[in-house]
Amino acid sequence: MEALKAQAVCARTYAFRYILHAGLAQYGAHLDDTTSYQVYHNIAEQAATTTAVKETDGMMLYYQDELADNYYYSTSCGVIIVFISRAG
């Protein structure tokens, strides 16, 4: 359950960042269902994920008082790439 809660918080933060900064204004949308923004497969709702979403309602990730620029994925095949931002 804790992993689903973490996923819910990450997904909410990711989506909310795009709500604040529309990426597809020409379509009246903030993000789409392609791999450009993540993939939504339109599967049936699962009780455990619904519970995780409800139990984390309103929670988002922040870094230095800003919404975190977080990325997540379900399939890594064991590979993780770490990006480090170096501000001048």
N, C-alpha and C. Protein backbone atom coordinates (compact mmCIF):
# COMPACT_ATOMS: atom_id res chain seq x y z
N MET A 1 0.82 -1.20 0.00
CA MET A 1 0.00 0.00 0.00
C MET A 1 0.86 1.26 0.00
N GLU A 2 1.98 1.25 0.73
CA GLU A 2 2.82 2.44 0.79
C GLU A 2 3.40 2.79 -0.58
N ALA A 3 3.73 1.79 -1.37
CA ALA A 3 4.24 2.05 -2.72
C ALA A 3 3.16 2.68 -3.59
N LEU A 4 1.92 2.23 -3.44
CA LEU A 4 0.82 2.83 -4.20
C LEU A 4 0.57 4.27 -3.76
N LYS A 5 0.71 4.54 -2.47
CA LYS A 5 0.56 5.91 -1.97
C LYS A 5 1.65 6.81 -2.55
N ALA A 6 2.88 6.31 -2.58
CA ALA A 6 3.99 7.09 -3.15
C ALA A 6 3.72 7.38 -4.62
N GLN A 7 3.22 6.38 -5.34
CA GLN A 7 2.89 6.55 -6.76
C GLN A 7 1.79 7.59 -6.94
N ALA A 8 0.79 7.55 -6.07
CA ALA A 8 -0.31 8.51 -6.15
C ALA A 8 0.19 9.94 -5.95
N VAL A 9 1.07 10.13 -4.96
CA VAL A 9 1.62 11.47 -4.70
C VAL A 9 2.47 11.93 -5.87
N CYS A 10 3.28 11.04 -6.41
CA CYS A 10 4.12 11.39 -7.57
C CYS A 10 3.25 11.76 -8.78
N ALA A 11 2.25 10.95 -9.05
CA ALA A 11 1.38 11.21 -10.21
C ALA A 11 0.63 12.53 -10.05
N ARG A 12 0.13 12.79 -8.85
CA ARG A 12 -0.60 14.03 -8.60
C ARG A 12 0.32 15.24 -8.79
N THR A 13 1.53 15.15 -8.25
CA THR A 13 2.49 16.25 -8.39
C THR A 13 2.83 16.48 -9.85
N TYR A 14 3.10 15.41 -10.56
CA TYR A 14 3.44 15.48 -11.99
C TYR A 14 2.31 16.16 -12.77
N ALA A 15 1.09 15.71 -12.56
CA ALA A 15 -0.06 16.28 -13.28
C ALA A 15 -0.29 17.74 -12.90
N PHE A 16 -0.18 18.07 -11.61
CA PHE A 16 -0.45 19.43 -11.18
C PHE A 16 0.56 20.41 -11.74
N ARG A 17 1.82 19.99 -11.86
CA ARG A 17 2.83 20.86 -12.48
C ARG A 17 2.41 21.22 -13.90
N TYR A 18 1.84 20.27 -14.63
CA TYR A 18 1.40 20.55 -16.00
C TYR A 18 0.12 21.38 -16.03
N ILE A 19 -0.69 21.28 -15.00
CA ILE A 19 -1.87 22.14 -14.92
C ILE A 19 -1.42 23.59 -14.77
N LEU A 20 -0.37 23.81 -13.98
CA LEU A 20 0.14 25.17 -13.79
C LEU A 20 0.86 25.71 -15.02
N HIS A 21 1.41 24.83 -15.83
CA HIS A 21 2.19 25.22 -17.01
C HIS A 21 1.72 24.39 -18.20
N ALA A 22 0.63 24.81 -18.81
CA ALA A 22 0.01 24.03 -19.90
C ALA A 22 1.01 23.72 -20.99
N GLY A 23 1.11 22.46 -21.34
CA GLY A 23 2.03 22.03 -22.37
C GLY A 23 1.41 21.93 -23.75
N LEU A 24 0.09 21.83 -23.82
CA LEU A 24 -0.60 21.64 -25.09
C LEU A 24 -1.74 22.65 -25.24
N ALA A 25 -1.40 23.91 -25.07
CA ALA A 25 -2.42 24.96 -25.09
C ALA A 25 -3.24 24.95 -26.38
N GLN A 26 -2.62 24.60 -27.50
CA GLN A 26 -3.34 24.60 -28.78
C GLN A 26 -4.49 23.59 -28.79
N TYR A 27 -4.44 22.60 -27.89
CA TYR A 27 -5.51 21.60 -27.79
C TYR A 27 -6.39 21.81 -26.56
N GLY A 28 -6.08 22.83 -25.79
CA GLY A 28 -6.81 23.06 -24.55
C GLY A 28 -6.52 21.99 -23.51
N ALA A 29 -5.30 21.45 -23.56
CA ALA A 29 -4.92 20.36 -22.65
C ALA A 29 -3.59 20.67 -21.98
N HIS A 30 -3.37 20.00 -20.88
CA HIS A 30 -2.13 20.17 -20.13
C HIS A 30 -1.15 19.05 -20.41
N LEU A 31 -1.65 17.84 -20.63
CA LEU A 31 -0.83 16.70 -20.99
C LEU A 31 -1.69 15.73 -21.79
N ASP A 32 -1.07 14.73 -22.38
CA ASP A 32 -1.83 13.77 -23.17
C ASP A 32 -1.52 12.34 -22.72
N ASP A 33 -2.05 11.37 -23.43
CA ASP A 33 -1.88 9.97 -23.02
C ASP A 33 -0.80 9.25 -23.82
N THR A 34 0.16 10.00 -24.33
CA THR A 34 1.27 9.38 -25.05
C THR A 34 2.47 9.22 -24.12
N THR A 35 3.50 8.60 -24.63
CA THR A 35 4.72 8.44 -23.83
C THR A 35 5.44 9.77 -23.62
N SER A 36 4.98 10.83 -24.29
CA SER A 36 5.57 12.15 -24.05
C SER A 36 5.27 12.62 -22.63
N TYR A 37 4.16 12.20 -22.07
CA TYR A 37 3.75 12.65 -20.74
C TYR A 37 3.53 11.51 -19.76
N GLN A 38 3.51 10.34 -20.16
CA GLN A 38 3.24 9.08 -19.46
C GLN A 38 2.13 8.39 -20.26
N VAL A 39 1.89 7.16 -19.94
CA VAL A 39 0.91 6.39 -20.70
C VAL A 39 -0.26 6.02 -19.81
N TYR A 40 -1.43 6.26 -20.32
CA TYR A 40 -2.67 5.90 -19.64
C TYR A 40 -3.33 4.82 -20.48
N HIS A 41 -3.50 3.64 -19.89
CA HIS A 41 -4.02 2.51 -20.66
C HIS A 41 -5.52 2.28 -20.49
N ASN A 42 -6.21 3.14 -19.76
CA ASN A 42 -7.66 3.04 -19.60
C ASN A 42 -8.09 1.67 -19.08
N ILE A 43 -7.43 1.21 -18.02
CA ILE A 43 -7.82 -0.06 -17.42
C ILE A 43 -8.84 0.20 -16.32
N ALA A 44 -9.50 -0.84 -15.89
CA ALA A 44 -10.51 -0.71 -14.84
C ALA A 44 -9.88 -0.22 -13.53
N GLU A 45 -10.64 0.56 -12.80
CA GLU A 45 -10.18 1.08 -11.51
C GLU A 45 -9.94 -0.08 -10.55
N GLN A 46 -8.88 0.03 -9.76
CA GLN A 46 -8.52 -0.99 -8.78
C GLN A 46 -8.76 -0.44 -7.38
N ALA A 47 -9.32 -1.25 -6.50
CA ALA A 47 -9.65 -0.80 -5.14
C ALA A 47 -8.43 -0.29 -4.39
N ALA A 48 -7.30 -0.98 -4.51
CA ALA A 48 -6.09 -0.57 -3.77
C ALA A 48 -5.58 0.79 -4.24
N THR A 49 -5.60 1.04 -5.54
CA THR A 49 -5.11 2.33 -6.02
C THR A 49 -6.08 3.45 -5.65
N THR A 50 -7.36 3.17 -5.67
CA THR A 50 -8.35 4.16 -5.25
C THR A 50 -8.14 4.52 -3.78
N THR A 51 -7.88 3.52 -2.96
CA THR A 51 -7.60 3.76 -1.54
C THR A 51 -6.36 4.62 -1.37
N ALA A 52 -5.30 4.30 -2.12
CA ALA A 52 -4.06 5.07 -2.04
C ALA A 52 -4.28 6.52 -2.43
N VAL A 53 -5.05 6.75 -3.47
CA VAL A 53 -5.34 8.12 -3.91
C VAL A 53 -6.12 8.87 -2.83
N LYS A 54 -7.12 8.23 -2.26
CA LYS A 54 -7.93 8.88 -1.23
C LYS A 54 -7.13 9.16 0.04
N GLU A 55 -6.25 8.22 0.43
CA GLU A 55 -5.47 8.40 1.65
C GLU A 55 -4.36 9.44 1.51
N THR A 56 -4.03 9.82 0.30
CA THR A 56 -3.01 10.85 0.07
C THR A 56 -3.61 12.12 -0.52
N ASP A 57 -4.91 12.24 -0.43
CA ASP A 57 -5.62 13.39 -1.00
C ASP A 57 -4.94 14.71 -0.63
N GLY A 58 -4.60 15.48 -1.66
CA GLY A 58 -4.00 16.79 -1.44
C GLY A 58 -2.50 16.79 -1.24
N MET A 59 -1.89 15.63 -1.07
CA MET A 59 -0.44 15.57 -0.85
C MET A 59 0.30 15.69 -2.18
N MET A 60 1.37 16.51 -2.17
CA MET A 60 2.23 16.65 -3.34
C MET A 60 3.67 16.77 -2.87
N LEU A 61 4.59 16.55 -3.79
CA LEU A 61 6.02 16.64 -3.49
C LEU A 61 6.53 18.06 -3.73
N TYR A 62 7.33 18.54 -2.82
CA TYR A 62 7.93 19.86 -2.96
C TYR A 62 9.44 19.77 -2.79
N TYR A 63 10.14 20.62 -3.48
CA TYR A 63 11.58 20.76 -3.34
C TYR A 63 11.88 22.25 -3.30
N GLN A 64 12.48 22.71 -2.23
CA GLN A 64 12.79 24.12 -2.02
C GLN A 64 11.56 25.00 -2.28
N ASP A 65 10.47 24.66 -1.63
CA ASP A 65 9.20 25.41 -1.67
C ASP A 65 8.54 25.47 -3.04
N GLU A 66 8.96 24.63 -3.97
CA GLU A 66 8.35 24.56 -5.30
C GLU A 66 7.88 23.13 -5.52
N LEU A 67 6.85 22.96 -6.37
CA LEU A 67 6.46 21.60 -6.71
C LEU A 67 7.65 20.89 -7.33
N ALA A 68 7.92 19.69 -6.88
CA ALA A 68 9.06 18.93 -7.36
C ALA A 68 8.90 18.59 -8.84
N ASP A 69 10.00 18.64 -9.55
CA ASP A 69 10.03 18.26 -10.96
C ASP A 69 10.34 16.76 -10.98
N ASN A 70 9.33 15.97 -10.65
CA ASN A 70 9.55 14.54 -10.48
C ASN A 70 9.14 13.76 -11.72
N TYR A 71 9.86 12.69 -11.93
CA TYR A 71 9.54 11.77 -13.02
C TYR A 71 9.49 10.38 -12.43
N TYR A 72 8.61 9.59 -12.92
CA TYR A 72 8.47 8.23 -12.44
C TYR A 72 8.10 7.34 -13.61
N TYR A 73 8.29 6.05 -13.43
CA TYR A 73 7.95 5.11 -14.49
C TYR A 73 7.73 3.74 -13.88
N SER A 74 7.01 2.92 -14.57
CA SER A 74 6.69 1.59 -14.05
C SER A 74 7.63 0.52 -14.58
N THR A 75 8.29 0.79 -15.69
CA THR A 75 9.11 -0.24 -16.32
C THR A 75 10.50 0.29 -16.58
N SER A 76 11.47 -0.18 -15.81
CA SER A 76 12.84 0.30 -15.99
C SER A 76 13.78 -0.80 -16.46
N CYS A 77 13.31 -2.04 -16.42
CA CYS A 77 14.16 -3.19 -16.76
C CYS A 77 15.44 -3.17 -15.94
N GLY A 78 15.37 -2.64 -14.73
CA GLY A 78 16.51 -2.62 -13.84
C GLY A 78 17.48 -1.47 -14.05
N VAL A 79 17.15 -0.55 -14.94
CA VAL A 79 18.05 0.55 -15.26
C VAL A 79 17.49 1.85 -14.68
N ILE A 80 18.33 2.58 -13.99
CA ILE A 80 17.94 3.88 -13.44
C ILE A 80 18.95 4.92 -13.92
N ILE A 81 18.45 6.02 -14.41
CA ILE A 81 19.31 7.12 -14.83
C ILE A 81 19.07 8.28 -13.87
N VAL A 82 20.14 8.83 -13.36
CA VAL A 82 20.03 9.95 -12.43
C VAL A 82 20.43 11.22 -13.16
N PHE A 83 19.54 12.22 -13.11
CA PHE A 83 19.82 13.51 -13.69
C PHE A 83 20.19 14.48 -12.59
N ILE A 84 21.25 15.19 -12.76
CA ILE A 84 21.68 16.18 -11.78
C ILE A 84 21.67 17.55 -12.45
N SER A 85 20.93 18.46 -11.84
CA SER A 85 20.87 19.81 -12.36
C SER A 85 21.99 20.61 -11.72
N ARG A 86 22.78 21.27 -12.55
CA ARG A 86 23.88 22.10 -12.04
C ARG A 86 23.63 23.55 -12.43
N ALA A 87 23.07 24.27 -11.48
CA ALA A 87 22.80 25.68 -11.72
C ALA A 87 24.09 26.48 -11.60
N GLY A 88 24.26 27.44 -12.49
CA GLY A 88 25.48 28.24 -12.49
C GLY A 88 25.48 29.28 -11.54
